[in-house]
Structure formats: structure tokens, C-alpha cells
């Protein structure tokens, strides 16, 4: 599999985002990431040992102005172009029926799961359109099923899925592909801590999701666009996509 030349990865200091960064670096890509806490960024930089091929820029991409600044600085740092954007940043809230959920969950889920993607896409699309490229967002299977007990999260991810479809349609024929992966439960330390008694046999390793994202970002996945790709289980979906 060929990697993109220069990529942006949001949410890179999280478990899935970090796996995406490592996968892209292994494919030879140069990667720029936004971060909020220098400690998390330093951990990522040390874990990858990528040197100048990994660039970190402090930015809050749920804010439009910060997202524009980040993309502009990332493009400069990566040699004047980008050809891949992985929209991994997001958050989860839930566990209670809609009427019992804190009111602030509604705006928080939209900000973390939709606004981050929209702001980065708005800034990155003019750059991608100059030379072509690919965008992959991280959606959720819950938004395509019932989403019970997580209304704000499911609605935000559903809106993200709609954004992916719209951007795919708008940019079909203009050289930019837009897709999403829809993981089930990802096998992360945070999820294990939150659900210590759960059966983890069907959980998906972050590396399997990251391989699928990297494939959809790579030239090898052309001409796939507008797809919502389920990624569930111990890695078979990612491997199937690569064959």
C-alpha cells in the first residue's frame, strides 16, 4: 500500500489518532497534527521517533480561526501541500436517556465530533483541490443503528456522516475523495477502564481501524468516495479492504 505524501491527522494524541499517525509514518508519509497539551504531543513524538517527518502545532481545531491557522501552518511545514486529511478528533457522552442527559452534552458533542471536522475541511479543501487528495472522517456505527442512551453523540456523528456524503458529492470529479470509517467499540485503555466487565472479543484494535483509514487515504483506494465503511471485530475488515 502506498501512503499519501503529506497528511494532517486530528485527534492524534488519542489512542486511535496515534495509531493512524504511526501507520502513515510507516508508509513514508509526512504528518502534521494539532495538539492542545504539550505533554501529550511530546509522548506522541517520542513514541513515533519520526523526527522531522512528524510536525506538531498547538491549536484547538474546534474553533474556526484556530483550524484555519493550523491548516495554513501545517501546509507550510509539509512543503507547501497536503494530499490527505484524517479527521479523528471526537468525543463521547452518553449512558442515560435524552431527557436526563446534561444539556451541555448537546453542544459539546457537536463541537467535538462535527465542528472539528467541518472547520478543518473548510480550511483544507482549497489546498487539496490544487493537487488532489483524500479525506477520511471517523464516524460511528451507533449513529447508523439506534444510538439509544447517547442521543447527542449519535446526532453529532449522523451529521458528520451527512457532511461526508455532501463533500463527496461536491468534490466528485474535482480530484478529492471523502469517506468515513464507522468503528464499533475500539479496544483502547480508556474503553477497557470504562467497561471492565465487557466481553472484548469483538472489540476492534485501534491498529485495524488505522489500517483502514490509511488505505482510504492512499492512492490505492481510488476511486472510492462517499463510502461509510464499517470496521468491526478483530481486524478482518481492514485486511479485506487491502486485498
Protein backbone atom coordinates (compact mmCIF):
# COMPACT_ATOMS: atom_id res chain seq x y z
CA UNK A 1 0.00 0.00 0.00
CA UNK A 2 1.27 3.44 -0.93
CA UNK A 3 0.94 6.17 1.66
CA UNK A 4 -0.06 9.76 0.96
CA UNK A 5 2.78 12.23 0.65
CA UNK A 6 1.69 14.76 3.28
CA UNK A 7 -1.15 14.29 5.74
CA UNK A 8 -2.99 16.07 8.53
CA UNK A 9 -4.32 13.96 11.41
CA UNK A 10 -6.61 15.49 14.03
CA UNK A 11 -7.08 13.79 17.39
CA UNK A 12 -3.55 12.42 17.04
CA UNK A 13 -2.79 12.37 20.75
CA UNK A 14 -5.60 9.85 21.38
CA UNK A 15 -5.33 6.08 21.03
CA UNK A 16 -6.86 5.86 17.54
CA UNK A 17 -5.27 9.07 16.26
CA UNK A 18 -1.86 7.92 17.44
CA UNK A 19 -2.33 4.61 15.64
CA UNK A 20 -3.23 6.49 12.44
CA UNK A 21 -0.12 8.64 12.74
CA UNK A 22 2.11 5.59 13.23
CA UNK A 23 0.52 3.79 10.26
CA UNK A 24 1.03 6.78 7.95
CA UNK A 25 4.60 7.28 9.08
CA UNK A 26 5.28 3.59 8.41
CA UNK A 27 4.04 4.16 4.86
CA UNK A 28 6.50 7.01 4.39
CA UNK A 29 4.10 9.93 4.81
CA UNK A 30 4.94 13.25 6.41
CA UNK A 31 2.33 14.13 9.03
CA UNK A 32 1.20 17.30 10.82
CA UNK A 33 -1.00 17.13 13.92
CA UNK A 34 -2.73 19.70 16.14
CA UNK A 35 -2.41 19.37 19.89
CA UNK A 36 -3.67 21.17 22.98
CA UNK A 37 -1.39 19.81 25.70
CA UNK A 38 2.36 19.77 25.15
CA UNK A 39 2.72 16.68 27.35
CA UNK A 40 0.51 14.58 25.07
CA UNK A 41 2.33 15.86 22.00
CA UNK A 42 5.72 15.03 23.49
CA UNK A 43 4.55 11.49 24.26
CA UNK A 44 3.43 11.04 20.66
CA UNK A 45 6.66 12.46 19.26
CA UNK A 46 8.80 10.23 21.48
CA UNK A 47 6.69 7.13 20.74
CA UNK A 48 7.00 7.56 16.98
CA UNK A 49 10.62 8.72 16.85
CA UNK A 50 9.76 10.18 13.44
CA UNK A 51 11.95 13.23 13.65
CA UNK A 52 11.12 16.00 11.16
CA UNK A 53 8.54 13.84 9.34
CA UNK A 54 6.11 14.50 12.24
CA UNK A 55 5.12 18.10 12.94
CA UNK A 56 3.08 19.21 15.96
CA UNK A 57 1.25 22.54 16.06
CA UNK A 58 -0.65 23.82 19.07
CA UNK A 59 -4.24 24.50 18.01
CA UNK A 60 -7.86 23.99 19.09
CA UNK A 61 -9.44 22.87 15.84
CA UNK A 62 -12.99 23.04 17.21
CA UNK A 63 -12.52 26.80 16.74
CA UNK A 64 -12.71 28.00 13.13
CA UNK A 65 -9.90 30.54 13.38
CA UNK A 66 -7.55 28.08 15.05
CA UNK A 67 -8.38 25.42 12.46
CA UNK A 68 -7.55 27.82 9.62
CA UNK A 69 -4.28 28.78 11.27
CA UNK A 70 -3.36 25.15 11.90
CA UNK A 71 -4.02 24.08 8.32
CA UNK A 72 -2.04 27.01 6.95
CA UNK A 73 0.93 26.29 9.20
CA UNK A 74 0.70 22.55 8.51
CA UNK A 75 0.79 23.12 4.75
CA UNK A 76 3.89 25.31 5.11
CA UNK A 77 5.59 22.78 7.38
CA UNK A 78 4.86 19.92 4.98
CA UNK A 79 6.42 21.56 1.96
CA UNK A 80 3.53 23.62 0.61
CA UNK A 81 0.95 20.91 0.07
CA UNK A 82 -1.18 18.21 1.66
CA UNK A 83 -2.90 15.27 -0.02
CA UNK A 84 -4.60 13.57 2.93
CA UNK A 85 -6.71 14.59 5.92
CA UNK A 86 -7.69 12.17 8.69
CA UNK A 87 -10.46 13.60 10.88
CA UNK A 88 -10.06 11.51 14.03
CA UNK A 89 -10.80 14.12 16.71
CA UNK A 90 -14.03 13.48 18.59
CA UNK A 91 -15.62 12.67 21.90
CA UNK A 92 -18.33 10.57 23.52
CA UNK A 93 -21.06 11.26 26.06
CA UNK A 94 -24.00 9.09 26.99
CA UNK A 95 -25.30 6.43 29.29
CA UNK A 96 -28.70 7.97 30.07
CA UNK A 97 -31.91 8.73 28.13
CA UNK A 98 -32.06 12.01 26.22
CA UNK A 99 -34.18 13.90 28.77
CA UNK A 100 -31.76 13.00 31.58
CA UNK A 101 -28.58 13.93 29.76
CA UNK A 102 -26.84 17.18 30.75
CA UNK A 103 -27.80 19.99 28.39
CA UNK A 104 -24.16 20.83 27.77
CA UNK A 105 -23.62 17.38 26.22
CA UNK A 106 -25.54 18.52 23.14
CA UNK A 107 -23.22 21.38 22.21
CA UNK A 108 -20.13 19.51 23.39
CA UNK A 109 -20.79 16.54 21.11
CA UNK A 110 -21.49 18.76 18.11
CA UNK A 111 -18.34 20.77 18.79
CA UNK A 112 -16.08 17.77 19.27
CA UNK A 113 -17.42 15.48 16.55
CA UNK A 114 -18.80 17.81 13.86
CA UNK A 115 -17.22 21.24 14.24
CA UNK A 116 -13.66 19.88 14.34
CA UNK A 117 -14.23 18.08 11.04
CA UNK A 118 -16.09 20.95 9.37
CA UNK A 119 -13.55 23.62 10.31
CA UNK A 120 -10.55 21.56 9.19
CA UNK A 121 -12.26 20.53 5.94
CA UNK A 122 -13.24 24.11 5.12
CA UNK A 123 -9.61 25.18 5.51
CA UNK A 124 -8.04 22.14 3.85
CA UNK A 125 -10.25 21.69 0.78
CA UNK A 126 -8.80 24.61 -1.23
CA UNK A 127 -5.34 23.09 -0.71
CA UNK A 128 -6.47 19.56 -1.60
CA UNK A 129 -8.21 20.81 -4.73
CA UNK A 130 -4.92 22.16 -6.09
CA UNK A 131 -3.39 18.70 -6.41
CA UNK A 132 -6.00 16.14 -5.40
CA UNK A 133 -6.25 14.04 -2.29
CA UNK A 134 -8.41 12.20 0.19
CA UNK A 135 -10.32 12.96 3.39
CA UNK A 136 -11.38 10.29 5.89
CA UNK A 137 -13.58 11.00 8.92
CA UNK A 138 -14.18 8.74 11.89
CA UNK A 139 -17.92 8.22 12.25
CA UNK A 140 -19.79 5.71 14.39
CA UNK A 141 -21.90 2.62 13.89
CA UNK A 142 -24.13 3.85 16.73
CA UNK A 143 -25.28 6.72 14.55
CA UNK A 144 -26.44 4.25 11.90
CA UNK A 145 -28.31 1.98 14.33
CA UNK A 146 -30.42 3.23 17.25
CA UNK A 147 -27.98 5.33 19.34
CA UNK A 148 -30.10 4.73 22.44
CA UNK A 149 -28.62 6.31 25.54
CA UNK A 150 -26.27 8.53 23.55
CA UNK A 151 -28.53 10.91 21.66
CA UNK A 152 -26.15 13.88 21.44
CA UNK A 153 -23.27 11.69 20.29
CA UNK A 154 -25.38 9.80 17.74
CA UNK A 155 -26.84 13.01 16.31
CA UNK A 156 -23.40 14.61 16.00
CA UNK A 157 -21.97 11.55 14.24
CA UNK A 158 -25.03 11.34 11.97
CA UNK A 159 -24.38 14.95 10.97
CA UNK A 160 -20.74 14.05 10.32
CA UNK A 161 -21.86 11.20 8.05
CA UNK A 162 -24.09 13.64 6.16
CA UNK A 163 -21.15 16.05 5.78
CA UNK A 164 -19.05 13.23 4.33
CA UNK A 165 -21.73 12.41 1.76
CA UNK A 166 -22.18 16.06 0.78
CA UNK A 167 -18.45 16.74 0.43
CA UNK A 168 -18.01 13.53 -1.58
CA UNK A 169 -20.77 14.63 -3.96
CA UNK A 170 -19.47 18.18 -4.27
CA UNK A 171 -15.92 17.07 -4.97
CA UNK A 172 -16.56 14.06 -7.18
CA UNK A 173 -14.75 14.86 -10.40
CA UNK A 174 -12.62 17.56 -8.74
CA UNK A 175 -9.89 15.20 -7.55
CA UNK A 176 -10.81 15.00 -3.85
CA UNK A 177 -12.34 11.87 -2.31
CA UNK A 178 -14.22 11.92 1.02
CA UNK A 179 -15.08 8.80 3.02
CA UNK A 180 -15.71 7.73 6.60
CA UNK A 181 -14.94 4.70 8.72
CA UNK A 182 -17.55 3.55 11.23
CA UNK A 183 -15.90 1.63 14.06
CA UNK A 184 -17.68 -0.47 16.62
CA UNK A 185 -16.14 -0.49 20.09
CA UNK A 186 -12.42 0.23 19.82
CA UNK A 187 -10.13 -1.72 22.15
CA UNK A 188 -8.45 1.17 23.97
CA UNK A 189 -7.26 1.56 27.54
CA UNK A 190 -9.99 4.13 28.16
CA UNK A 191 -12.74 1.79 26.96
CA UNK A 192 -11.36 -1.09 28.99
CA UNK A 193 -11.38 1.09 32.08
CA UNK A 194 -14.91 2.31 31.37
CA UNK A 195 -16.26 -1.19 30.70
CA UNK A 196 -14.13 -3.55 32.80
CA UNK A 197 -16.63 -6.44 32.68
CA UNK A 198 -17.41 -6.26 28.96
CA UNK A 199 -16.68 -9.07 26.53
CA UNK A 200 -13.82 -7.64 24.48
CA UNK A 201 -13.65 -10.48 21.95
CA UNK A 202 -15.49 -8.44 19.30
CA UNK A 203 -13.75 -5.14 20.01
CA UNK A 204 -11.60 -3.69 17.26
CA UNK A 205 -7.91 -2.90 17.82
CA UNK A 206 -7.00 0.72 17.00
CA UNK A 207 -4.41 -0.57 14.56
CA UNK A 208 -7.10 -2.28 12.45
CA UNK A 209 -9.10 0.94 12.21
CA UNK A 210 -5.90 2.86 11.43
CA UNK A 211 -5.04 0.49 8.56
CA UNK A 212 -8.47 1.07 7.05
CA UNK A 213 -8.10 4.85 7.37
CA UNK A 214 -4.64 4.71 5.80
CA UNK A 215 -5.97 2.62 2.91
CA UNK A 216 -8.78 5.11 2.22
CA UNK A 217 -6.27 7.97 2.35
CA UNK A 218 -3.89 6.24 -0.03
CA UNK A 219 -3.94 6.40 -3.84
CA UNK A 220 -4.59 2.64 -3.81
CA UNK A 221 -8.22 3.20 -2.75
CA UNK A 222 -9.17 5.33 -5.77
CA UNK A 223 -11.93 5.80 -6.89
CA UNK A 224 -13.75 5.09 -3.59
CA UNK A 225 -15.66 8.15 -2.37
CA UNK A 226 -18.81 8.80 -0.36
CA UNK A 227 -18.46 5.46 1.47
CA UNK A 228 -19.30 4.82 5.13
CA UNK A 229 -17.13 1.79 5.87
CA UNK A 230 -17.95 -0.34 8.95
CA UNK A 231 -14.87 -1.51 10.83
CA UNK A 232 -15.82 -4.05 13.47
CA UNK A 233 -14.15 -7.08 15.03
CA UNK A 234 -10.51 -8.04 15.43
CA UNK A 235 -9.22 -6.57 12.16
CA UNK A 236 -10.76 -8.57 9.31
CA UNK A 237 -12.49 -5.57 7.72
CA UNK A 238 -9.27 -3.63 7.39
CA UNK A 239 -7.43 -6.59 5.95
CA UNK A 240 -10.24 -7.27 3.48
CA UNK A 241 -10.09 -3.70 2.18
CA UNK A 242 -6.39 -4.02 1.49
CA UNK A 243 -6.71 -7.19 -0.63
